Structures are given as structure tokens and as C-alpha cells.
């Protein structure tokens, strides 16, 4: 088995996850007024939808493959809690 620099790969994956998280938070700010208009019982769902849409703007296939190779969650089932899944 060829040597892999796991530490370097983890750092790279972490940086990508941080960028995705920042994209989610940026979109949340952009849609802040719309989120605020949601009924109190729907507020978290609307906020999560915005986070999910921010994630879907990116091609996650390479990142998902790398996460899986490291034995980490591949973000494949994080629709119900998009930001927390990152």
C-alpha cells in the first residue's frame, strides 16, 4: 500500500469543510430577512433549507470520496441538518 500523508489530507479536507461552512453562513446572512419572516415553528427548517441550498451549489463528489477514504461521513445524508453535518 502506497504511503499517504494523512495529516496533509486531513488538513486539506478540513479547509474545504470550513469553506463550505462559511458559504452556508454567508448565504444565511444573504437570506436573513426571508428567514426572519418564517413562522417561529418553521424558522429552523427555513434556515436549514438555505444551508442545504448553499451546499448544493458546490460539486461535493471529490470531497465526499476523500472523506469516505478517511473513514469519515461523506455528507451523503445531511439534508436534515446541513450545517451540523459539516
N, C-alpha and C. Protein backbone atom coordinates (compact mmCIF):
# COMPACT_ATOMS: atom_id res chain seq x y z
N UNK A 1 0.84 -1.18 0.00
CA UNK A 1 0.00 0.00 0.00
C UNK A 1 0.88 1.24 0.00
N UNK A 2 0.65 2.19 -0.94
CA UNK A 2 1.49 3.38 -1.02
C UNK A 2 1.28 4.28 0.20
N UNK A 3 2.33 4.98 0.57
CA UNK A 3 2.29 5.90 1.70
C UNK A 3 1.41 7.09 1.35
N UNK A 4 0.54 7.44 2.27
CA UNK A 4 -0.30 8.63 2.11
C UNK A 4 -0.01 9.57 3.26
N UNK A 5 0.07 10.83 2.97
CA UNK A 5 0.27 11.83 4.01
C UNK A 5 -1.10 12.17 4.58
N UNK A 6 -1.52 11.38 5.57
CA UNK A 6 -2.86 11.53 6.14
C UNK A 6 -3.04 12.89 6.78
N UNK A 7 -2.02 13.38 7.44
CA UNK A 7 -2.11 14.68 8.10
C UNK A 7 -2.39 15.78 7.09
N UNK A 8 -1.69 15.74 5.97
CA UNK A 8 -1.89 16.72 4.91
C UNK A 8 -3.29 16.60 4.31
N UNK A 9 -3.74 15.37 4.12
CA UNK A 9 -5.08 15.15 3.56
C UNK A 9 -6.15 15.64 4.52
N UNK A 10 -5.97 15.37 5.81
CA UNK A 10 -6.93 15.85 6.81
C UNK A 10 -6.98 17.37 6.83
N UNK A 11 -5.84 18.00 6.73
CA UNK A 11 -5.80 19.47 6.70
C UNK A 11 -6.53 20.02 5.48
N UNK A 12 -6.32 19.37 4.36
CA UNK A 12 -6.98 19.79 3.12
C UNK A 12 -8.50 19.63 3.21
N UNK A 13 -8.93 18.49 3.72
CA UNK A 13 -10.37 18.22 3.87
C UNK A 13 -10.98 19.21 4.86
N UNK A 14 -10.29 19.46 5.96
CA UNK A 14 -10.78 20.40 6.96
C UNK A 14 -10.93 21.79 6.36
N UNK A 15 -9.98 22.22 5.57
CA UNK A 15 -10.05 23.53 4.93
C UNK A 15 -11.27 23.61 4.01
N UNK A 16 -11.53 22.56 3.26
CA UNK A 16 -12.70 22.55 2.37
C UNK A 16 -14.00 22.59 3.16
N UNK A 17 -14.05 21.83 4.24
CA UNK A 17 -15.25 21.84 5.08
C UNK A 17 -15.49 23.22 5.68
N UNK A 18 -14.43 23.88 6.09
CA UNK A 18 -14.55 25.24 6.63
C UNK A 18 -15.07 26.20 5.58
N UNK A 19 -14.59 26.06 4.34
CA UNK A 19 -15.07 26.90 3.24
C UNK A 19 -16.55 26.67 2.98
N UNK A 20 -16.96 25.41 3.00
CA UNK A 20 -18.38 25.10 2.80
C UNK A 20 -19.23 25.67 3.92
N UNK A 21 -18.75 25.54 5.15
CA UNK A 21 -19.47 26.10 6.30
C UNK A 21 -19.62 27.61 6.15
N UNK A 22 -18.55 28.26 5.73
CA UNK A 22 -18.59 29.71 5.53
C UNK A 22 -19.58 30.08 4.43
N UNK A 23 -19.64 29.28 3.37
CA UNK A 23 -20.60 29.52 2.29
C UNK A 23 -22.03 29.41 2.82
N UNK A 24 -22.27 28.45 3.70
CA UNK A 24 -23.61 28.29 4.30
C UNK A 24 -23.96 29.51 5.15
N UNK A 25 -23.01 29.97 5.94
CA UNK A 25 -23.26 31.11 6.82
C UNK A 25 -23.42 32.40 6.03
N UNK A 26 -22.69 32.52 4.93
CA UNK A 26 -22.82 33.70 4.06
C UNK A 26 -24.21 33.74 3.44
N UNK A 27 -24.67 32.58 2.95
CA UNK A 27 -26.00 32.54 2.34
C UNK A 27 -27.08 32.80 3.40
N UNK A 28 -26.84 32.32 4.61
CA UNK A 28 -27.79 32.59 5.70
C UNK A 28 -27.91 34.10 5.93
N UNK A 29 -26.81 34.82 5.88
CA UNK A 29 -26.84 36.27 6.05
C UNK A 29 -27.57 36.92 4.88
N UNK A 30 -27.31 36.44 3.67
CA UNK A 30 -27.96 36.99 2.48
C UNK A 30 -29.47 36.84 2.54
N UNK A 31 -29.94 35.75 3.09
CA UNK A 31 -31.37 35.48 3.17
C UNK A 31 -31.92 35.72 4.58
N UNK A 32 -31.18 36.47 5.38
CA UNK A 32 -31.58 36.72 6.76
C UNK A 32 -32.98 37.27 6.90
N UNK A 33 -33.34 38.22 6.06
CA UNK A 33 -34.68 38.82 6.15
C UNK A 33 -35.76 37.79 5.84
N UNK A 34 -35.53 36.97 4.85
CA UNK A 34 -36.52 35.94 4.50
C UNK A 34 -36.63 34.89 5.60
N UNK A 35 -35.50 34.52 6.18
CA UNK A 35 -35.51 33.55 7.28
C UNK A 35 -36.29 34.12 8.45
N UNK A 36 -36.08 35.40 8.73
CA UNK A 36 -36.75 36.05 9.85
C UNK A 36 -38.27 36.11 9.65
N UNK A 37 -38.71 36.13 8.40
CA UNK A 37 -40.14 36.19 8.11
C UNK A 37 -40.85 34.85 8.34
N UNK A 38 -40.09 33.79 8.44
CA UNK A 38 -40.69 32.47 8.64
C UNK A 38 -41.36 32.42 10.01
N UNK A 39 -42.40 31.63 10.09
CA UNK A 39 -43.07 31.47 11.39
C UNK A 39 -42.09 30.85 12.38
N UNK A 40 -42.27 31.13 13.66
CA UNK A 40 -41.34 30.61 14.66
C UNK A 40 -41.13 29.09 14.57
N UNK A 41 -42.19 28.35 14.30
CA UNK A 41 -42.05 26.89 14.23
C UNK A 41 -41.34 26.43 12.96
N UNK A 42 -41.23 27.30 11.96
CA UNK A 42 -40.56 26.94 10.71
C UNK A 42 -39.18 27.56 10.57
N UNK A 43 -38.81 28.41 11.48
CA UNK A 43 -37.56 29.17 11.37
C UNK A 43 -36.35 28.26 11.15
N UNK A 44 -36.20 27.23 11.96
CA UNK A 44 -35.03 26.34 11.83
C UNK A 44 -35.05 25.57 10.51
N UNK A 45 -36.23 25.19 10.06
CA UNK A 45 -36.34 24.46 8.79
C UNK A 45 -35.94 25.35 7.62
N UNK A 46 -36.39 26.59 7.65
CA UNK A 46 -36.04 27.52 6.57
C UNK A 46 -34.54 27.80 6.59
N UNK A 47 -34.01 27.98 7.77
CA UNK A 47 -32.57 28.20 7.92
C UNK A 47 -31.79 26.99 7.37
N UNK A 48 -32.23 25.80 7.69
CA UNK A 48 -31.57 24.58 7.19
C UNK A 48 -31.69 24.48 5.67
N UNK A 49 -32.83 24.87 5.12
CA UNK A 49 -33.00 24.84 3.67
C UNK A 49 -31.98 25.76 2.99
N UNK A 50 -31.77 26.92 3.55
CA UNK A 50 -30.78 27.86 3.00
C UNK A 50 -29.38 27.24 3.07
N UNK A 51 -29.06 26.60 4.17
CA UNK A 51 -27.75 25.94 4.30
C UNK A 51 -27.62 24.82 3.27
N UNK A 52 -28.67 24.04 3.12
CA UNK A 52 -28.66 22.93 2.16
C UNK A 52 -28.46 23.46 0.73
N UNK A 53 -29.16 24.53 0.38
CA UNK A 53 -29.03 25.11 -0.95
C UNK A 53 -27.61 25.65 -1.18
N UNK A 54 -27.01 26.21 -0.14
CA UNK A 54 -25.63 26.68 -0.26
C UNK A 54 -24.70 25.50 -0.55
N UNK A 55 -24.90 24.39 0.13
CA UNK A 55 -24.07 23.20 -0.11
C UNK A 55 -24.25 22.67 -1.52
N UNK A 56 -25.49 22.65 -1.99
CA UNK A 56 -25.78 22.08 -3.30
C UNK A 56 -25.23 22.93 -4.44
N UNK A 57 -24.77 24.12 -4.15
CA UNK A 57 -24.15 24.96 -5.18
C UNK A 57 -22.72 24.50 -5.50
N UNK A 58 -22.23 23.55 -4.72
CA UNK A 58 -20.87 23.04 -4.89
C UNK A 58 -20.90 21.59 -5.35
N UNK A 59 -19.91 21.23 -6.14
CA UNK A 59 -19.74 19.84 -6.54
C UNK A 59 -18.97 19.14 -5.42
N UNK A 60 -19.66 18.31 -4.67
CA UNK A 60 -19.09 17.69 -3.48
C UNK A 60 -18.50 16.30 -3.74
N UNK A 61 -18.57 15.82 -4.96
CA UNK A 61 -18.16 14.44 -5.23
C UNK A 61 -16.73 14.13 -4.82
N UNK A 62 -15.78 14.98 -5.17
CA UNK A 62 -14.39 14.72 -4.81
C UNK A 62 -14.21 14.75 -3.29
N UNK A 63 -14.79 15.75 -2.65
CA UNK A 63 -14.69 15.85 -1.19
C UNK A 63 -15.34 14.64 -0.52
N UNK A 64 -16.49 14.22 -1.01
CA UNK A 64 -17.17 13.06 -0.43
C UNK A 64 -16.30 11.80 -0.56
N UNK A 65 -15.65 11.65 -1.68
CA UNK A 65 -14.78 10.50 -1.89
C UNK A 65 -13.60 10.54 -0.91
N UNK A 66 -13.01 11.70 -0.74
CA UNK A 66 -11.88 11.84 0.17
C UNK A 66 -12.30 11.63 1.62
N UNK A 67 -13.46 12.13 2.00
CA UNK A 67 -13.96 11.90 3.36
C UNK A 67 -14.16 10.40 3.61
N UNK A 68 -14.76 9.75 2.66
CA UNK A 68 -15.01 8.32 2.78
C UNK A 68 -13.70 7.54 2.90
N UNK A 69 -12.71 7.91 2.12
CA UNK A 69 -11.41 7.22 2.16
C UNK A 69 -10.74 7.38 3.53
N UNK A 70 -11.09 8.47 4.22
CA UNK A 70 -10.54 8.71 5.56
C UNK A 70 -11.40 8.08 6.65
N UNK A 71 -12.48 7.43 6.25
CA UNK A 71 -13.37 6.80 7.22
C UNK A 71 -14.31 7.78 7.89
N UNK A 72 -14.54 8.91 7.25
CA UNK A 72 -15.43 9.94 7.81
C UNK A 72 -16.75 9.98 7.05
N UNK A 73 -17.72 10.62 7.64
CA UNK A 73 -19.03 10.77 6.99
C UNK A 73 -18.84 11.49 5.66
N UNK A 74 -19.49 10.99 4.64
CA UNK A 74 -19.31 11.57 3.30
C UNK A 74 -20.35 12.64 2.98
N UNK A 75 -21.06 13.14 3.96
CA UNK A 75 -22.06 14.20 3.79
C UNK A 75 -23.24 13.76 2.94
N UNK A 76 -23.39 12.48 2.74
CA UNK A 76 -24.44 11.98 1.87
C UNK A 76 -25.83 12.03 2.46
N UNK A 77 -25.94 12.15 3.74
CA UNK A 77 -27.26 12.14 4.38
C UNK A 77 -27.42 13.29 5.37
N UNK A 78 -26.96 14.46 5.00
CA UNK A 78 -27.03 15.56 5.94
C UNK A 78 -28.12 16.58 5.62
N UNK A 79 -29.10 16.19 4.82
CA UNK A 79 -30.16 17.12 4.43
C UNK A 79 -30.91 17.69 5.63
N UNK A 80 -31.16 16.87 6.63
CA UNK A 80 -31.98 17.32 7.76
C UNK A 80 -31.22 18.24 8.72
N UNK A 81 -29.91 18.28 8.58
CA UNK A 81 -29.09 19.12 9.46
C UNK A 81 -27.81 19.49 8.72
N UNK A 82 -27.97 20.30 7.69
CA UNK A 82 -26.87 20.57 6.76
C UNK A 82 -25.65 21.20 7.40
N UNK A 83 -25.83 22.23 8.18
CA UNK A 83 -24.68 22.90 8.78
C UNK A 83 -24.02 22.02 9.83
N UNK A 84 -24.81 21.37 10.65
CA UNK A 84 -24.25 20.49 11.68
C UNK A 84 -23.52 19.31 11.05
N UNK A 85 -23.94 18.86 9.88
CA UNK A 85 -23.30 17.75 9.20
C UNK A 85 -21.89 18.07 8.73
N UNK A 86 -21.63 19.35 8.56
CA UNK A 86 -20.27 19.74 8.16
C UNK A 86 -19.34 19.63 9.34
